[in-house]
Amino acid sequence: MLDQLDLGQKLVKSEYKEQMDRMGIKLGELHRKIHELGIPVIVVFEGWDAAGRGTLINELILRLDPRGFKVFANNLCHGDVSAHPFLWRYWNTTPAAGKIMIYDKSWYESVLTDRIDGVTPQDKLADRYNEIVSFERQLADSGCVVIKIFLHITKKEQKKRMDQLEEDPATRWRVGEIEWRRHRKYEEYLEIIEDTLSRTDREGCPWTPVAAMDRRFAAVKICGTLIQALEQRIRNSGRSEKDLVDLREK
């Protein structure tokens, strides 16, 4: 899946601003509409270390009504999480009707970083994937829009960004031995990622791989993906075709 991406795609600043200004207005309108219709939305952000998850999540939420979304940061989970099934924390954070929940890393940690780090044993993988697919199917069947983004960069670009993070005292904490170990295992990790994407790319919960070498291009791609998914869901609601046409004409 990732080998089909054109990683050389870029946007100049003027084109980026023009597209994001237009998309920002559209996202605001669609956000209000899903609130009226009571449609819950989940946006999952996964990707390589230093691929720009935080920056790109920020680009997205700047275009949304702050009263209508939350961001769940997976790395901030503490307490008795290990005492529950691994999907427990996510069932407890799924969005209410008309709200958006954005996951900065998600339930995929169990089959991505935990897998490359040796935390998830091989004999548990099949169960993990089955649980994930079942979880997402239940969300989609209940009317939730599930959008899954994977941010892809090359090994060379990852090293460049990690070096830059280490050089800045304000961001040095974001890169440690764990991140460098994963970087050294880039090729092995790539196989794990491809395996995960292929196993969990399902109708109703598809993956959208995003070339994240150029952050302007990635931001536009992500916002465009969200717009397309929300328009499709509103169209499928059966009550709002006229509303969608009105939005497009604005």
Protein backbone atom coordinates (compact mmCIF):
# COMPACT_ATOMS: atom_id res chain seq x y z
CA MET A 1 0.00 0.00 0.00
CA LEU A 2 2.74 2.46 0.94
CA ASP A 3 4.83 1.64 -2.12
CA GLN A 4 2.11 3.20 -4.28
CA LEU A 5 2.58 6.65 -2.74
CA ASP A 6 4.38 9.41 -4.63
CA LEU A 7 6.60 10.80 -1.87
CA GLY A 8 7.79 13.67 -4.06
CA GLN A 9 4.50 15.57 -4.00
CA LYS A 10 4.80 19.15 -2.74
CA LEU A 11 2.79 22.34 -2.51
CA VAL A 12 4.13 25.87 -2.68
CA LYS A 13 3.03 28.19 0.11
CA SER A 14 0.56 30.19 -2.01
CA GLU A 15 -1.22 27.08 -3.31
CA TYR A 16 -1.29 25.59 0.18
CA LYS A 17 -2.86 28.74 1.65
CA GLU A 18 -5.46 28.96 -1.11
CA GLN A 19 -6.53 25.34 -0.67
CA MET A 20 -6.51 25.40 3.13
CA ASP A 21 -8.55 28.61 3.26
CA ARG A 22 -11.19 26.99 1.07
CA MET A 23 -11.10 23.67 2.93
CA GLY A 24 -11.24 25.41 6.30
CA ILE A 25 -14.58 26.98 5.43
CA LYS A 26 -15.93 23.67 4.12
CA LEU A 27 -14.77 21.72 7.17
CA GLY A 28 -16.44 24.21 9.48
CA GLU A 29 -19.73 23.84 7.61
CA LEU A 30 -19.54 20.04 7.55
CA HIS A 31 -18.65 19.95 11.23
CA ARG A 32 -21.78 21.89 12.07
CA LYS A 33 -23.85 19.61 9.85
CA ILE A 34 -22.68 16.35 11.44
CA HIS A 35 -23.44 17.92 14.81
CA GLU A 36 -27.01 18.63 13.65
CA LEU A 37 -27.38 15.10 12.30
CA GLY A 38 -25.81 13.46 15.36
CA ILE A 39 -23.06 11.68 13.41
CA PRO A 40 -20.01 10.65 15.47
CA VAL A 41 -16.61 10.80 13.77
CA ILE A 42 -13.29 9.14 14.59
CA VAL A 43 -10.02 10.23 12.98
CA VAL A 44 -7.03 7.98 13.66
CA PHE A 45 -3.51 9.32 13.10
CA GLU A 46 -0.73 6.74 12.82
CA GLY A 47 2.67 7.05 11.19
CA TRP A 48 6.42 6.88 11.55
CA ASP A 49 8.19 8.58 14.43
CA ALA A 50 8.88 12.20 13.36
CA ALA A 51 6.34 11.97 10.51
CA GLY A 52 4.58 15.07 11.85
CA ARG A 53 1.48 13.71 13.58
CA GLY A 54 1.25 16.54 16.10
CA THR A 55 1.76 19.26 13.50
CA LEU A 56 -0.79 17.79 11.11
CA ILE A 57 -3.38 17.18 13.82
CA ASN A 58 -3.00 20.84 14.73
CA GLU A 59 -3.50 21.84 11.09
CA LEU A 60 -6.78 19.94 11.12
CA ILE A 61 -8.21 21.11 14.43
CA LEU A 62 -7.55 24.76 13.59
CA ARG A 63 -10.40 24.35 11.06
CA LEU A 64 -12.85 22.76 13.52
CA ASP A 65 -15.15 24.15 16.20
CA PRO A 66 -13.28 23.54 19.49
CA ARG A 67 -16.57 22.72 21.21
CA GLY A 68 -17.10 19.74 18.91
CA PHE A 69 -13.92 17.69 19.07
CA LYS A 70 -11.39 16.15 21.44
CA VAL A 71 -7.87 14.83 20.90
CA PHE A 72 -6.85 11.60 22.61
CA ALA A 73 -3.09 11.23 23.06
CA ASN A 74 -2.32 7.55 23.43
CA ASN A 75 1.10 8.09 25.02
CA LEU A 76 -0.49 9.92 27.97
CA CYS A 77 -2.38 6.84 29.19
CA HIS A 78 -1.40 5.86 32.71
CA GLY A 79 -2.96 4.21 35.72
CA ASP A 80 -4.61 0.81 35.59
CA VAL A 81 -4.82 0.49 31.80
CA SER A 82 -2.90 -2.79 31.89
CA ALA A 83 -5.55 -4.28 34.18
CA HIS A 84 -8.14 -4.15 31.37
CA PRO A 85 -8.47 -5.58 27.85
CA PHE A 86 -6.36 -3.46 25.49
CA LEU A 87 -9.41 -1.93 23.76
CA TRP A 88 -10.98 -0.84 27.05
CA ARG A 89 -9.48 2.66 27.02
CA TYR A 90 -10.72 3.24 23.46
CA TRP A 91 -14.27 2.05 24.07
CA ASN A 92 -14.35 4.63 26.86
CA THR A 93 -13.22 7.46 24.59
CA THR A 94 -15.37 6.91 21.49
CA PRO A 95 -17.21 10.11 20.52
CA ALA A 96 -20.79 11.00 21.37
CA ALA A 97 -23.30 11.69 18.61
CA GLY A 98 -22.27 14.74 16.59
CA LYS A 99 -18.75 14.90 18.03
CA ILE A 100 -15.28 14.21 16.60
CA MET A 101 -12.58 12.24 18.42
CA ILE A 102 -9.06 12.50 17.03
CA TYR A 103 -6.58 9.82 18.11
CA ASP A 104 -2.91 10.76 18.24
CA LYS A 105 -1.84 7.11 17.93
CA SER A 106 -4.47 4.55 18.75
CA TRP A 107 -5.36 0.89 19.26
CA TYR A 108 -2.91 0.19 16.44
CA GLU A 109 -0.03 0.70 18.84
CA SER A 110 -0.52 -2.91 19.91
CA VAL A 111 0.25 -4.20 16.40
CA LEU A 112 2.72 -1.50 15.32
CA THR A 113 5.14 -0.03 17.87
CA ASP A 114 4.45 -2.73 20.46
CA ARG A 115 5.10 -5.35 17.80
CA ILE A 116 8.44 -3.91 16.66
CA ASP A 117 9.44 -3.33 20.30
CA GLY A 118 8.63 -6.93 21.20
CA VAL A 119 5.85 -6.00 23.65
CA THR A 120 3.11 -7.87 21.77
CA PRO A 121 4.07 -11.56 21.43
CA GLN A 122 3.74 -13.26 18.07
CA ASP A 123 1.12 -15.73 19.34
CA LYS A 124 -1.18 -12.82 20.32
CA LEU A 125 -1.11 -11.03 16.97
CA ALA A 126 -4.00 -12.87 15.29
CA ASP A 127 -6.25 -12.14 18.27
CA ARG A 128 -5.19 -8.49 18.29
CA TYR A 129 -6.03 -8.03 14.62
CA ASN A 130 -9.37 -9.80 15.00
CA GLU A 131 -10.29 -7.60 17.96
CA ILE A 132 -9.35 -4.45 16.07
CA VAL A 133 -11.35 -5.39 12.97
CA SER A 134 -14.37 -6.32 15.13
CA PHE A 135 -14.08 -3.07 17.12
CA GLU A 136 -14.00 -0.92 13.99
CA ARG A 137 -16.84 -2.87 12.35
CA GLN A 138 -19.03 -2.24 15.39
CA LEU A 139 -18.20 1.47 15.26
CA ALA A 140 -19.03 1.70 11.55
CA ASP A 141 -22.21 -0.36 11.92
CA SER A 142 -23.38 1.99 14.67
CA GLY A 143 -23.13 4.94 12.27
CA CYS A 144 -19.70 6.28 13.22
CA VAL A 145 -17.45 7.66 10.49
CA VAL A 146 -14.01 6.05 10.88
CA ILE A 147 -11.11 7.75 9.08
CA LYS A 148 -7.65 6.20 9.42
CA ILE A 149 -4.56 8.14 8.34
CA PHE A 150 -1.04 6.72 8.06
CA LEU A 151 1.78 9.25 7.58
CA HIS A 152 4.62 7.88 5.46
CA ILE A 153 8.17 9.21 5.16
CA THR A 154 11.45 7.68 4.01
CA LYS A 155 14.17 6.42 6.34
CA LYS A 156 16.45 9.24 5.23
CA GLU A 157 13.81 11.88 5.96
CA GLN A 158 13.07 10.32 9.33
CA LYS A 159 16.73 10.54 10.35
CA LYS A 160 16.92 14.14 9.19
CA ARG A 161 13.90 15.13 11.29
CA MET A 162 15.05 13.18 14.34
CA ASP A 163 18.45 14.86 14.14
CA GLN A 164 16.73 18.25 14.03
CA LEU A 165 14.57 17.37 17.03
CA GLU A 166 17.64 16.32 19.00
CA GLU A 167 19.50 19.52 18.16
CA ASP A 168 16.74 21.72 19.62
CA PRO A 169 16.67 21.70 23.46
CA ALA A 170 12.90 22.31 23.33
CA THR A 171 12.21 19.13 21.34
CA ARG A 172 15.11 16.90 22.38
CA TRP A 173 12.84 14.96 24.75
CA ARG A 174 10.83 13.65 21.80
CA VAL A 175 13.67 11.46 20.53
CA GLY A 176 15.20 8.75 22.69
CA GLU A 177 16.77 5.33 22.37
CA ILE A 178 13.42 3.71 21.60
CA GLU A 179 12.85 5.99 18.60
CA TRP A 180 16.40 5.46 17.32
CA ARG A 181 16.06 1.70 17.71
CA ARG A 182 12.89 1.75 15.61
CA HIS A 183 14.67 3.89 13.05
CA ARG A 184 17.48 1.34 12.76
CA LYS A 185 14.81 -1.31 12.17
CA TYR A 186 13.06 0.80 9.52
CA GLU A 187 12.90 -1.97 6.90
CA GLU A 188 11.58 -4.52 9.40
CA TYR A 189 9.06 -1.98 10.71
CA LEU A 190 7.93 -1.22 7.15
CA GLU A 191 6.98 -4.88 6.70
CA ILE A 192 4.99 -4.76 9.94
CA ILE A 193 3.21 -1.59 8.84
CA GLU A 194 2.31 -3.01 5.43
CA ASP A 195 1.05 -6.20 7.09
CA THR A 196 -1.10 -4.17 9.49
CA LEU A 197 -2.55 -1.90 6.80
CA SER A 198 -3.46 -4.85 4.57
CA ARG A 199 -5.09 -6.80 7.41
CA THR A 200 -7.20 -3.90 8.65
CA ASP A 201 -8.12 -2.03 5.46
CA ARG A 202 -11.83 -2.83 5.39
CA GLU A 203 -14.95 -1.40 3.79
CA GLY A 204 -16.31 1.28 6.09
CA CYS A 205 -12.94 1.65 7.84
CA PRO A 206 -10.35 2.08 5.08
CA TRP A 207 -6.80 3.34 5.46
CA THR A 208 -5.65 6.54 3.77
CA PRO A 209 -1.85 6.49 3.39
CA VAL A 210 -0.52 10.05 3.19
CA ALA A 211 2.84 11.10 1.77
CA ALA A 212 4.16 13.26 4.62
CA MET A 213 7.52 14.34 3.19
CA ASP A 214 6.00 17.76 2.53
CA ARG A 215 3.81 18.87 5.41
CA ARG A 216 1.82 21.33 3.32
CA PHE A 217 0.85 18.59 0.90
CA ALA A 218 0.03 16.23 3.78
CA ALA A 219 -2.19 18.80 5.50
CA VAL A 220 -4.19 19.41 2.34
CA LYS A 221 -4.52 15.66 1.70
CA ILE A 222 -5.76 15.02 5.24
CA CYS A 223 -8.32 17.83 5.17
CA GLY A 224 -9.50 16.71 1.74
CA THR A 225 -9.91 13.14 2.99
CA LEU A 226 -11.99 14.31 5.94
CA ILE A 227 -14.18 16.49 3.72
CA GLN A 228 -14.82 13.61 1.31
CA ALA A 229 -15.69 11.19 4.13
CA LEU A 230 -18.05 13.62 5.85
CA GLU A 231 -19.79 14.54 2.60
CA GLN A 232 -20.30 10.86 1.81
CA ARG A 233 -21.73 10.16 5.27
CA ILE A 234 -24.09 13.14 5.07
CA ARG A 235 -25.19 11.97 1.64
CA ASN A 236 -25.84 8.48 2.99
CA SER A 237 -27.91 9.84 5.86
CA GLY A 238 -30.84 10.04 3.46
CA ARG A 239 -32.03 13.27 5.01
CA SER A 240 -29.55 15.82 3.82
CA GLU A 241 -28.80 15.69 0.10
CA LYS A 242 -30.16 19.22 -0.22
CA ASP A 243 -27.94 20.33 2.68
CA LEU A 244 -24.87 18.90 0.96
CA VAL A 245 -25.73 20.69 -2.29
CA ASP A 246 -26.20 23.93 -0.34
CA LEU A 247 -22.76 23.47 1.24
CA ARG A 248 -21.09 22.99 -2.15
CA GLU A 249 -22.72 26.12 -3.54
CA LYS A 250 -21.42 28.34 -0.73
